[in-house]
């Protein structure tokens, strides 16, 4: 019986080691107009994004992108096709093609953010999301009304990595300041000499 329990624990441990750790976070770099998924300084994935064309801040009624540490409070859009329009966090049934003229809808997926600091405490009430946009030609420069916009294929990939409670840091620093440059700096059990 002990060997079955030990095997079960070993199996669960092996499965966890291949999954992302609890340290995995999302970092949004405003100057780089990029979003990265980072685990303890290691880059997992990186995507171009658009933050607000109105600048940075969190004042009520503003269209600015808040700074600081937030977290994923809800997710909407499971299994929707790319380009599916989402209004008030509910799919409408309409699908919009990338760069469709005159369309500025929220599409594909919604990752709703809640602020953890005084400087971003209004983010959830302001409906600050990470979401897909049909205006993909504008990705890479500030173009949103406060949210973080992504290409549909990118937000779908991010949605699958993100979980409720995951931290999201929106920063005026470049992504390089969050990514460990040398993999050999992290100690490894395989490299121990004792």
C-alpha atoms as a PDB file:
ATOM      1  CA  UNK A   1       0.000   0.000   0.000  1.00  0.00           C
ATOM      2  CA  UNK A   2       2.853   2.389   0.866  1.00  0.00           C
ATOM      3  CA  UNK A   3       4.364   1.913  -2.601  1.00  0.00           C
ATOM      4  CA  UNK A   4       1.013   2.791  -4.249  1.00  0.00           C
ATOM      5  CA  UNK A   5       0.771   5.976  -2.157  1.00  0.00           C
ATOM      6  CA  UNK A   6       4.404   6.847  -2.917  1.00  0.00           C
ATOM      7  CA  UNK A   7       3.817   6.226  -6.624  1.00  0.00           C
ATOM      8  CA  UNK A   8       0.709   8.458  -6.538  1.00  0.00           C
ATOM      9  CA  UNK A   9       2.647  11.241  -4.823  1.00  0.00           C
ATOM     10  CA  UNK A  10       5.533  10.871  -7.278  1.00  0.00           C
ATOM     11  CA  UNK A  11       3.120  10.993 -10.211  1.00  0.00           C
ATOM     12  CA  UNK A  12       1.375  14.117  -8.854  1.00  0.00           C
ATOM     13  CA  UNK A  13       4.754  15.773  -8.243  1.00  0.00           C
ATOM     14  CA  UNK A  14       5.929  14.979 -11.775  1.00  0.00           C
ATOM     15  CA  UNK A  15       2.740  16.406 -13.270  1.00  0.00           C
ATOM     16  CA  UNK A  16       3.094  19.607 -11.219  1.00  0.00           C
ATOM     17  CA  UNK A  17       6.724  20.109 -12.243  1.00  0.00           C
ATOM     18  CA  UNK A  18       5.697  20.284 -15.909  1.00  0.00           C
ATOM     19  CA  UNK A  19       2.864  22.746 -15.208  1.00  0.00           C
ATOM     20  CA  UNK A  20       3.434  26.419 -14.608  1.00  0.00           C
ATOM     21  CA  UNK A  21       4.381  27.350 -11.062  1.00  0.00           C
ATOM     22  CA  UNK A  22       2.460  29.564  -8.682  1.00  0.00           C
ATOM     23  CA  UNK A  23       5.152  32.192  -9.350  1.00  0.00           C
ATOM     24  CA  UNK A  24       4.044  32.565 -12.988  1.00  0.00           C
ATOM     25  CA  UNK A  25       2.879  36.098 -13.690  1.00  0.00           C
ATOM     26  CA  UNK A  26       1.891  38.386 -16.529  1.00  0.00           C
ATOM     27  CA  UNK A  27       3.955  41.534 -17.105  1.00  0.00           C
ATOM     28  CA  UNK A  28       2.808  44.362 -19.386  1.00  0.00           C
ATOM     29  CA  UNK A  29       5.514  46.787 -20.502  1.00  0.00           C
ATOM     30  CA  UNK A  30       3.968  50.090 -21.582  1.00  0.00           C
ATOM     31  CA  UNK A  31       7.116  51.449 -23.315  1.00  0.00           C
ATOM     32  CA  UNK A  32       7.705  48.141 -25.146  1.00  0.00           C
ATOM     33  CA  UNK A  33       3.971  47.678 -25.918  1.00  0.00           C
ATOM     34  CA  UNK A  34       4.483  44.012 -25.080  1.00  0.00           C
ATOM     35  CA  UNK A  35       3.036  41.509 -22.636  1.00  0.00           C
ATOM     36  CA  UNK A  36       5.034  38.590 -21.272  1.00  0.00           C
ATOM     37  CA  UNK A  37       4.255  35.508 -19.231  1.00  0.00           C
ATOM     38  CA  UNK A  38       7.169  35.047 -16.842  1.00  0.00           C
ATOM     39  CA  UNK A  39       7.924  32.321 -14.316  1.00  0.00           C
ATOM     40  CA  UNK A  40      10.586  33.254 -11.726  1.00  0.00           C
ATOM     41  CA  UNK A  41      12.397  35.442 -14.242  1.00  0.00           C
ATOM     42  CA  UNK A  42      12.145  32.940 -17.094  1.00  0.00           C
ATOM     43  CA  UNK A  43      10.279  34.077 -20.208  1.00  0.00           C
ATOM     44  CA  UNK A  44       7.451  31.657 -21.088  1.00  0.00           C
ATOM     45  CA  UNK A  45       5.814  33.668 -23.894  1.00  0.00           C
ATOM     46  CA  UNK A  46       5.685  37.221 -25.234  1.00  0.00           C
ATOM     47  CA  UNK A  47       3.069  39.096 -27.293  1.00  0.00           C
ATOM     48  CA  UNK A  48       2.672  42.578 -28.808  1.00  0.00           C
ATOM     49  CA  UNK A  49      -0.161  44.594 -27.244  1.00  0.00           C
ATOM     50  CA  UNK A  50      -1.774  48.036 -27.180  1.00  0.00           C
ATOM     51  CA  UNK A  51      -2.327  50.082 -24.036  1.00  0.00           C
ATOM     52  CA  UNK A  52      -4.397  53.280 -23.811  1.00  0.00           C
ATOM     53  CA  UNK A  53      -4.020  56.074 -26.312  1.00  0.00           C
ATOM     54  CA  UNK A  54      -5.026  58.394 -23.426  1.00  0.00           C
ATOM     55  CA  UNK A  55      -1.999  57.544 -21.300  1.00  0.00           C
ATOM     56  CA  UNK A  56      -1.633  56.023 -17.845  1.00  0.00           C
ATOM     57  CA  UNK A  57      -3.720  56.305 -14.681  1.00  0.00           C
ATOM     58  CA  UNK A  58      -6.789  55.018 -12.894  1.00  0.00           C
ATOM     59  CA  UNK A  59      -9.095  57.976 -12.345  1.00  0.00           C
ATOM     60  CA  UNK A  60     -12.800  57.213 -12.385  1.00  0.00           C
ATOM     61  CA  UNK A  61     -14.286  57.805 -15.825  1.00  0.00           C
ATOM     62  CA  UNK A  62     -10.857  58.000 -17.456  1.00  0.00           C
ATOM     63  CA  UNK A  63      -9.766  55.945 -20.442  1.00  0.00           C
ATOM     64  CA  UNK A  64      -6.230  55.398 -19.151  1.00  0.00           C
ATOM     65  CA  UNK A  65      -4.344  52.175 -18.495  1.00  0.00           C
ATOM     66  CA  UNK A  66      -3.656  51.664 -14.774  1.00  0.00           C
ATOM     67  CA  UNK A  67      -0.148  50.906 -13.519  1.00  0.00           C
ATOM     68  CA  UNK A  68       1.015  48.560 -10.792  1.00  0.00           C
ATOM     69  CA  UNK A  69       0.121  45.083  -9.589  1.00  0.00           C
ATOM     70  CA  UNK A  70      -3.321  43.715 -10.410  1.00  0.00           C
ATOM     71  CA  UNK A  71      -4.681  40.185 -10.602  1.00  0.00           C
ATOM     72  CA  UNK A  72      -6.935  38.151 -12.873  1.00  0.00           C
ATOM     73  CA  UNK A  73     -10.379  38.291 -11.238  1.00  0.00           C
ATOM     74  CA  UNK A  74     -12.461  36.592 -13.955  1.00  0.00           C
ATOM     75  CA  UNK A  75     -12.195  35.102 -17.443  1.00  0.00           C
ATOM     76  CA  UNK A  76     -14.809  35.001 -20.211  1.00  0.00           C
ATOM     77  CA  UNK A  77     -14.853  33.377 -23.623  1.00  0.00           C
ATOM     78  CA  UNK A  78     -14.123  29.681 -23.105  1.00  0.00           C
ATOM     79  CA  UNK A  79     -14.099  27.882 -26.471  1.00  0.00           C
ATOM     80  CA  UNK A  80     -15.305  30.899 -28.500  1.00  0.00           C
ATOM     81  CA  UNK A  81     -13.911  31.164 -32.032  1.00  0.00           C
ATOM     82  CA  UNK A  82     -11.373  33.870 -32.850  1.00  0.00           C
ATOM     83  CA  UNK A  83     -13.149  37.146 -33.565  1.00  0.00           C
ATOM     84  CA  UNK A  84     -16.281  36.302 -31.538  1.00  0.00           C
ATOM     85  CA  UNK A  85     -17.756  39.575 -30.253  1.00  0.00           C
ATOM     86  CA  UNK A  86     -18.145  39.824 -26.464  1.00  0.00           C
ATOM     87  CA  UNK A  87     -20.361  42.585 -25.070  1.00  0.00           C
ATOM     88  CA  UNK A  88     -20.819  43.016 -21.306  1.00  0.00           C
ATOM     89  CA  UNK A  89     -18.817  39.775 -20.934  1.00  0.00           C
ATOM     90  CA  UNK A  90     -21.397  37.793 -22.950  1.00  0.00           C
ATOM     91  CA  UNK A  91     -20.867  36.523 -26.538  1.00  0.00           C
ATOM     92  CA  UNK A  92     -23.241  38.162 -29.029  1.00  0.00           C
ATOM     93  CA  UNK A  93     -22.971  35.445 -31.674  1.00  0.00           C
ATOM     94  CA  UNK A  94     -21.279  37.800 -34.148  1.00  0.00           C
ATOM     95  CA  UNK A  95     -17.772  37.135 -35.472  1.00  0.00           C
ATOM     96  CA  UNK A  96     -15.617  40.017 -36.700  1.00  0.00           C
ATOM     97  CA  UNK A  97     -12.622  39.531 -38.976  1.00  0.00           C
ATOM     98  CA  UNK A  98      -9.264  41.133 -38.116  1.00  0.00           C
ATOM     99  CA  UNK A  99      -9.074  44.755 -39.279  1.00  0.00           C
ATOM    100  CA  UNK A 100     -12.748  44.859 -40.311  1.00  0.00           C
ATOM    101  CA  UNK A 101     -13.442  48.504 -41.222  1.00  0.00           C
ATOM    102  CA  UNK A 102     -15.279  50.531 -38.613  1.00  0.00           C
ATOM    103  CA  UNK A 103     -15.237  47.814 -35.938  1.00  0.00           C
ATOM    104  CA  UNK A 104     -13.786  48.335 -32.469  1.00  0.00           C
ATOM    105  CA  UNK A 105     -15.357  45.467 -30.513  1.00  0.00           C
ATOM    106  CA  UNK A 106     -14.025  43.314 -27.696  1.00  0.00           C
ATOM    107  CA  UNK A 107     -13.424  39.901 -29.279  1.00  0.00           C
ATOM    108  CA  UNK A 108     -12.257  36.337 -28.631  1.00  0.00           C
ATOM    109  CA  UNK A 109     -11.476  36.386 -24.894  1.00  0.00           C
ATOM    110  CA  UNK A 110     -11.774  38.663 -21.836  1.00  0.00           C
ATOM    111  CA  UNK A 111      -9.408  38.525 -18.862  1.00  0.00           C
ATOM    112  CA  UNK A 112     -10.837  40.902 -16.231  1.00  0.00           C
ATOM    113  CA  UNK A 113      -8.352  42.632 -13.924  1.00  0.00           C
ATOM    114  CA  UNK A 114      -8.713  43.844 -10.328  1.00  0.00           C
ATOM    115  CA  UNK A 115      -6.207  46.264  -8.791  1.00  0.00           C
ATOM    116  CA  UNK A 116      -4.220  45.396  -5.680  1.00  0.00           C
ATOM    117  CA  UNK A 117      -2.859  48.872  -4.969  1.00  0.00           C
ATOM    118  CA  UNK A 118      -4.226  52.344  -4.290  1.00  0.00           C
ATOM    119  CA  UNK A 119      -2.975  53.505  -7.701  1.00  0.00           C
ATOM    120  CA  UNK A 120      -5.150  50.920  -9.528  1.00  0.00           C
ATOM    121  CA  UNK A 121      -8.038  50.223  -7.125  1.00  0.00           C
ATOM    122  CA  UNK A 122     -10.681  51.324  -9.689  1.00  0.00           C
ATOM    123  CA  UNK A 123      -9.541  48.922 -12.423  1.00  0.00           C
ATOM    124  CA  UNK A 124     -12.285  46.324 -11.924  1.00  0.00           C
ATOM    125  CA  UNK A 125     -15.074  48.913 -11.708  1.00  0.00           C
ATOM    126  CA  UNK A 126     -13.671  50.540 -14.865  1.00  0.00           C
ATOM    127  CA  UNK A 127     -13.792  47.119 -16.604  1.00  0.00           C
ATOM    128  CA  UNK A 128     -10.088  47.028 -17.369  1.00  0.00           C
ATOM    129  CA  UNK A 129      -9.526  43.855 -19.385  1.00  0.00           C
ATOM    130  CA  UNK A 130      -6.908  42.070 -21.376  1.00  0.00           C
ATOM    131  CA  UNK A 131      -8.927  41.265 -24.512  1.00  0.00           C
ATOM    132  CA  UNK A 132      -8.853  40.606 -28.214  1.00  0.00           C
ATOM    133  CA  UNK A 133      -9.433  43.381 -30.735  1.00  0.00           C
ATOM    134  CA  UNK A 134     -10.333  43.358 -34.415  1.00  0.00           C
ATOM    135  CA  UNK A 135      -8.078  46.434 -34.821  1.00  0.00           C
ATOM    136  CA  UNK A 136      -4.994  44.241 -35.085  1.00  0.00           C
ATOM    137  CA  UNK A 137      -3.205  46.728 -37.350  1.00  0.00           C
ATOM    138  CA  UNK A 138      -2.916  49.036 -34.303  1.00  0.00           C
ATOM    139  CA  UNK A 139      -1.260  46.441 -32.057  1.00  0.00           C
ATOM    140  CA  UNK A 140       2.205  47.587 -31.012  1.00  0.00           C
ATOM    141  CA  UNK A 141       1.267  51.185 -30.237  1.00  0.00           C
ATOM    142  CA  UNK A 142      -1.078  52.826 -27.701  1.00  0.00           C
ATOM    143  CA  UNK A 143      -4.585  52.609 -29.190  1.00  0.00           C
ATOM    144  CA  UNK A 144      -7.031  51.388 -26.533  1.00  0.00           C
ATOM    145  CA  UNK A 145      -9.495  53.057 -24.190  1.00  0.00           C
ATOM    146  CA  UNK A 146      -7.702  51.783 -21.073  1.00  0.00           C
ATOM    147  CA  UNK A 147      -7.625  48.016 -21.605  1.00  0.00           C
ATOM    148  CA  UNK A 148      -4.738  45.905 -22.858  1.00  0.00           C
ATOM    149  CA  UNK A 149      -5.590  44.827 -26.401  1.00  0.00           C
ATOM    150  CA  UNK A 150      -4.171  41.779 -28.140  1.00  0.00           C
ATOM    151  CA  UNK A 151      -4.503  39.945 -31.442  1.00  0.00           C
ATOM    152  CA  UNK A 152      -7.159  37.225 -31.247  1.00  0.00           C
ATOM    153  CA  UNK A 153      -4.710  34.327 -31.615  1.00  0.00           C
ATOM    154  CA  UNK A 154      -2.491  35.814 -28.894  1.00  0.00           C
ATOM    155  CA  UNK A 155      -5.244  36.475 -26.350  1.00  0.00           C
ATOM    156  CA  UNK A 156      -6.564  32.937 -26.885  1.00  0.00           C
ATOM    157  CA  UNK A 157      -3.087  31.552 -26.106  1.00  0.00           C
ATOM    158  CA  UNK A 158      -2.731  33.836 -23.068  1.00  0.00           C
ATOM    159  CA  UNK A 159      -6.218  32.909 -21.820  1.00  0.00           C
ATOM    160  CA  UNK A 160      -5.174  29.268 -21.645  1.00  0.00           C
ATOM    161  CA  UNK A 161      -2.107  30.192 -19.536  1.00  0.00           C
ATOM    162  CA  UNK A 162      -3.847  32.671 -17.224  1.00  0.00           C
ATOM    163  CA  UNK A 163      -5.699  31.619 -14.094  1.00  0.00           C
ATOM    164  CA  UNK A 164      -7.882  33.390 -11.556  1.00  0.00           C
ATOM    165  CA  UNK A 165      -5.611  35.070  -9.012  1.00  0.00           C
ATOM    166  CA  UNK A 166      -2.601  35.307 -11.350  1.00  0.00           C
ATOM    167  CA  UNK A 167      -0.710  38.559 -10.819  1.00  0.00           C
ATOM    168  CA  UNK A 168      -0.496  41.081 -13.642  1.00  0.00           C
ATOM    169  CA  UNK A 169       2.083  43.860 -13.395  1.00  0.00           C
ATOM    170  CA  UNK A 170       1.599  46.863 -15.688  1.00  0.00           C
ATOM    171  CA  UNK A 171       4.858  48.796 -15.728  1.00  0.00           C
ATOM    172  CA  UNK A 172       6.696  51.704 -17.272  1.00  0.00           C
ATOM    173  CA  UNK A 173       9.829  49.515 -17.300  1.00  0.00           C
ATOM    174  CA  UNK A 174      11.011  47.435 -20.228  1.00  0.00           C
ATOM    175  CA  UNK A 175      10.413  43.681 -20.205  1.00  0.00           C
ATOM    176  CA  UNK A 176      14.157  43.078 -19.932  1.00  0.00           C
ATOM    177  CA  UNK A 177      14.061  44.301 -16.326  1.00  0.00           C
ATOM    178  CA  UNK A 178      11.702  41.405 -15.432  1.00  0.00           C
ATOM    179  CA  UNK A 179      13.505  38.617 -17.316  1.00  0.00           C
ATOM    180  CA  UNK A 180      16.546  36.831 -15.905  1.00  0.00           C
ATOM    181  CA  UNK A 181      19.279  37.065 -18.521  1.00  0.00           C
ATOM    182  CA  UNK A 182      21.405  34.044 -17.571  1.00  0.00           C
ATOM    183  CA  UNK A 183      19.829  30.647 -17.043  1.00  0.00           C
ATOM    184  CA  UNK A 184      22.976  29.409 -15.301  1.00  0.00           C
ATOM    185  CA  UNK A 185      22.330  31.769 -12.356  1.00  0.00           C
ATOM    186  CA  UNK A 186      19.609  29.477 -10.967  1.00  0.00           C
ATOM    187  CA  UNK A 187      20.951  26.613  -8.864  1.00  0.00           C
ATOM    188  CA  UNK A 188      20.114  23.139 -10.098  1.00  0.00           C
ATOM    189  CA  UNK A 189      19.857  19.965  -8.063  1.00  0.00           C
ATOM    190  CA  UNK A 190      21.634  18.177 -10.920  1.00  0.00           C
ATOM    191  CA  UNK A 191      24.664  20.447 -10.554  1.00  0.00           C
ATOM    192  CA  UNK A 192      25.190  19.916  -6.820  1.00  0.00           C
ATOM    193  CA  UNK A 193      28.684  18.804  -5.842  1.00  0.00           C
ATOM    194  CA  UNK A 194      27.853  17.306  -2.446  1.00  0.00           C
END
